N, C-alpha and C. Protein backbone atom coordinates (compact mmCIF):
# COMPACT_ATOMS: atom_id res chain seq x y z
N UNK A 1 -30.19 35.34 2.20
CA UNK A 1 -28.96 34.42 1.44
C UNK A 1 -27.84 33.68 2.37
N UNK A 2 -27.62 32.23 2.47
CA UNK A 2 -26.64 31.85 3.32
C UNK A 2 -25.16 31.85 3.22
N UNK A 3 -24.53 32.03 3.60
CA UNK A 3 -23.02 31.66 2.72
C UNK A 3 -22.33 30.29 3.72
N UNK A 4 -22.32 28.92 3.27
CA UNK A 4 -21.65 27.94 4.00
C UNK A 4 -20.34 27.07 3.37
N UNK A 5 -19.40 27.55 4.23
CA UNK A 5 -17.85 27.30 3.64
C UNK A 5 -17.42 25.87 4.28
N UNK A 6 -16.88 25.01 3.62
CA UNK A 6 -16.38 23.82 4.74
C UNK A 6 -14.95 23.82 4.03
N UNK A 7 -14.38 23.22 4.81
CA UNK A 7 -13.20 22.85 5.61
C UNK A 7 -12.70 21.91 4.05
N UNK A 8 -11.20 22.33 3.51
CA UNK A 8 -10.73 21.40 2.89
C UNK A 8 -10.57 20.17 3.22
N UNK A 9 -10.61 19.01 2.30
CA UNK A 9 -10.09 17.54 2.80
C UNK A 9 -9.55 16.99 1.63
N UNK A 10 -8.46 15.89 2.72
CA UNK A 10 -7.77 15.21 1.80
C UNK A 10 -8.19 14.22 1.29
N UNK A 11 -9.01 13.98 2.00
CA UNK A 11 -9.96 12.63 1.97
C UNK A 11 -11.44 12.86 1.13
N UNK A 12 -11.78 12.23 0.65
CA UNK A 12 -12.98 11.65 -0.42
C UNK A 12 -14.05 11.09 0.68
N UNK A 13 -14.06 11.17 1.81
CA UNK A 13 -15.26 10.55 3.10
C UNK A 13 -15.57 11.70 3.86
N UNK A 14 -16.47 11.69 4.48
CA UNK A 14 -16.87 12.69 5.62
C UNK A 14 -15.85 12.87 6.41
N UNK A 15 -16.01 13.53 7.34
CA UNK A 15 -15.00 13.57 8.48
C UNK A 15 -15.87 12.99 9.53
N UNK A 16 -14.40 11.63 10.35
CA UNK A 16 -15.55 11.05 11.36
C UNK A 16 -14.67 11.12 12.42
N UNK A 17 -14.52 11.51 14.24
CA UNK A 17 -13.99 11.21 14.55
C UNK A 17 -13.02 10.73 15.37
N UNK A 18 -13.29 9.49 15.16
CA UNK A 18 -13.46 8.01 15.76
C UNK A 18 -12.29 7.89 14.83
N UNK A 19 -11.97 8.18 13.13
CA UNK A 19 -11.08 8.01 12.22
C UNK A 19 -9.91 9.67 11.97
N UNK A 20 -9.73 10.76 12.88
CA UNK A 20 -9.45 11.50 12.50
C UNK A 20 -7.89 11.83 12.68
N UNK A 21 -7.65 10.94 14.23
CA UNK A 21 -6.30 10.65 14.09
C UNK A 21 -5.04 9.50 12.95
N UNK A 22 -6.20 8.82 12.71
CA UNK A 22 -5.82 8.04 12.06
C UNK A 22 -4.78 8.45 10.57
N UNK A 23 -6.25 9.72 10.49
CA UNK A 23 -5.88 10.64 9.15
C UNK A 23 -5.12 11.26 9.28
N UNK A 24 -4.65 11.92 10.11
CA UNK A 24 -3.96 13.06 10.40
C UNK A 24 -1.76 12.04 10.34
N UNK A 25 -2.34 10.64 11.32
CA UNK A 25 -1.07 9.76 10.83
C UNK A 25 -0.68 9.56 9.68
N UNK A 26 -1.76 9.80 8.63
CA UNK A 26 -1.30 8.79 6.98
C UNK A 26 -1.13 10.37 6.60
N UNK A 27 -1.08 11.13 6.75
CA UNK A 27 -1.25 13.05 5.63
C UNK A 27 0.52 12.98 6.51
N UNK A 28 0.72 12.77 8.28
CA UNK A 28 2.27 12.61 7.60
C UNK A 28 3.22 11.80 7.84
N UNK A 29 2.57 10.94 7.04
CA UNK A 29 3.31 9.65 6.36
C UNK A 29 3.90 10.16 4.96
N UNK A 30 3.22 10.64 4.89
CA UNK A 30 2.63 10.65 3.06
C UNK A 30 2.36 12.23 2.69
N UNK A 31 3.10 13.02 3.25
CA UNK A 31 2.79 15.07 3.19
C UNK A 31 3.36 14.67 1.83
N UNK A 32 5.07 14.26 1.30
CA UNK A 32 5.76 14.37 0.62
C UNK A 32 5.51 14.10 -0.71
N UNK A 33 4.49 12.89 -0.89
CA UNK A 33 3.58 12.68 -2.20
C UNK A 33 2.18 13.02 -2.35
N UNK A 34 1.83 14.01 -1.12
CA UNK A 34 0.25 13.92 -1.37
C UNK A 34 1.45 16.17 -2.01
N UNK A 35 1.76 16.65 -1.98
CA UNK A 35 2.17 18.04 -2.55
C UNK A 35 2.74 17.63 -4.30
N UNK A 36 3.08 16.29 -4.70
CA UNK A 36 3.62 16.05 -6.00
C UNK A 36 2.61 15.89 -6.94
N UNK A 37 1.82 16.49 -6.28
CA UNK A 37 0.83 15.97 -7.94
C UNK A 37 -0.50 17.20 -7.46
N UNK A 38 -0.13 18.35 -7.53
CA UNK A 38 -1.35 19.76 -7.11
C UNK A 38 -2.35 19.30 -8.63
N UNK A 39 -2.45 18.49 -8.99
CA UNK A 39 -3.89 17.97 -10.24
C UNK A 39 -4.92 17.04 -9.37
N UNK A 40 -4.03 16.68 -8.31
CA UNK A 40 -5.21 15.27 -7.78
C UNK A 40 -6.27 16.15 -6.80
N UNK A 41 -7.32 15.79 -7.31
CA UNK A 41 -7.99 16.16 -6.70
C UNK A 41 -8.61 15.51 -4.93
N UNK A 42 -7.91 14.30 -4.25
CA UNK A 42 -7.94 13.73 -3.52
C UNK A 42 -7.39 12.75 -3.45
N UNK A 43 -7.26 12.20 -2.25
CA UNK A 43 -6.93 10.99 -2.14
C UNK A 43 -6.97 9.43 -2.62
N UNK A 44 -7.61 8.65 -3.38
CA UNK A 44 -7.98 8.17 -4.58
C UNK A 44 -7.04 7.77 -5.63
N UNK A 45 -6.68 9.76 -5.44
CA UNK A 45 -5.75 9.26 -7.55
C UNK A 45 -4.50 9.70 -6.74
N UNK A 46 -4.70 10.02 -5.50
CA UNK A 46 -2.76 9.37 -4.94
C UNK A 46 -2.23 8.80 -4.29
N UNK A 47 -3.26 7.76 -3.50
CA UNK A 47 -2.63 6.90 -3.06
C UNK A 47 -3.49 5.66 -3.25
N UNK A 48 -3.72 4.31 -4.29
CA UNK A 48 -4.16 3.52 -4.50
C UNK A 48 -4.12 2.77 -3.41
N UNK A 49 -3.25 2.77 -2.67
CA UNK A 49 -3.21 1.72 -1.63
C UNK A 49 -4.19 1.70 -0.80
N UNK A 50 -3.84 3.26 0.04
CA UNK A 50 -5.55 3.46 0.89
C UNK A 50 -6.49 3.15 0.39
N UNK A 51 -6.88 3.74 -1.26
CA UNK A 51 -8.65 3.37 -1.76
C UNK A 51 -8.55 1.38 -2.18
N UNK A 52 -7.70 0.43 -2.12
CA UNK A 52 -8.13 -0.84 -1.73
C UNK A 52 -8.29 -0.89 0.20
N UNK A 53 -7.45 -0.88 0.64
CA UNK A 53 -8.21 -0.75 2.01
C UNK A 53 -8.54 -0.30 2.55
N UNK A 54 -9.84 0.91 1.86
CA UNK A 54 -10.70 1.32 2.54
C UNK A 54 -11.79 0.26 1.96
N UNK A 55 -11.65 0.54 0.43
CA UNK A 55 -12.36 -1.08 -0.29
C UNK A 55 -12.42 -1.94 0.34
N UNK A 56 -11.36 -2.33 1.26
CA UNK A 56 -11.35 -3.85 2.22
C UNK A 56 -12.45 -3.43 3.81
N UNK A 57 -12.32 -2.69 4.33
CA UNK A 57 -12.37 -1.95 5.02
C UNK A 57 -14.60 -1.97 4.78
N UNK A 58 -14.85 -1.85 3.78
CA UNK A 58 -16.32 -1.55 2.91
C UNK A 58 -16.88 -3.20 3.27
N UNK A 59 -15.64 -4.34 3.15
CA UNK A 59 -16.22 -5.82 1.83
C UNK A 59 -16.14 -6.16 3.50
N UNK A 60 -15.54 -6.16 4.89
CA UNK A 60 -15.61 -6.03 6.10
C UNK A 60 -16.76 -6.26 6.74
N UNK A 61 -17.32 -5.39 6.26
CA UNK A 61 -18.74 -4.53 7.19
C UNK A 61 -19.73 -4.71 5.81
N UNK A 62 -19.41 -5.72 4.98
CA UNK A 62 -20.77 -6.29 4.22
C UNK A 62 -21.22 -4.78 3.49
N UNK A 63 -20.75 -4.18 3.99
CA UNK A 63 -20.97 -3.20 2.29
C UNK A 63 -20.62 -2.97 0.95
N UNK A 64 -21.02 -3.86 0.04
CA UNK A 64 -20.47 -4.78 -0.87
C UNK A 64 -19.64 -3.61 -2.12
N UNK A 65 -21.68 -2.38 -2.48
CA UNK A 65 -21.29 -2.04 -3.18
C UNK A 65 -19.98 -0.94 -2.91
N UNK A 66 -20.38 -0.68 -1.91
CA UNK A 66 -18.95 0.14 -1.25
C UNK A 66 -17.67 -0.01 -1.43
N UNK A 67 -17.13 -1.54 -1.16
CA UNK A 67 -16.14 -2.08 -1.91
C UNK A 67 -15.70 -1.65 -2.96
N UNK A 68 -16.87 -2.47 -4.14
CA UNK A 68 -16.86 -2.21 -5.57
C UNK A 68 -16.15 -0.96 -5.86
N UNK A 69 -16.65 0.34 -5.63
CA UNK A 69 -16.66 1.62 -6.11
C UNK A 69 -15.23 1.46 -5.75
N UNK A 70 -15.15 1.40 -4.32
CA UNK A 70 -13.26 1.56 -3.94
C UNK A 70 -12.57 0.92 -5.06
N UNK A 71 -12.59 -0.18 -4.71
CA UNK A 71 -12.04 -1.52 -5.68
C UNK A 71 -11.96 -0.49 -7.18
N UNK A 72 -12.63 -0.32 -7.91
CA UNK A 72 -12.34 0.71 -9.05
C UNK A 72 -12.40 1.93 -9.67
N UNK A 73 -12.64 2.53 -8.64
CA UNK A 73 -12.25 4.15 -8.58
C UNK A 73 -10.90 4.26 -8.79
């Protein structure tokens, strides 16, 4: 049996090297809000503005279903 451990992430998306600094900056700016709701599972439950921005990114890339999912989460 192989045991696999994953590093916990604030964001619901997979980690990407190209977005690492952007995510760290966001966490640094919003750290006080992240600790305010210990039952929140991910960033989409903590910051709807971030989720809207993610939807906008999907839309610009032509991923319309991804955008719909982000906007309606």
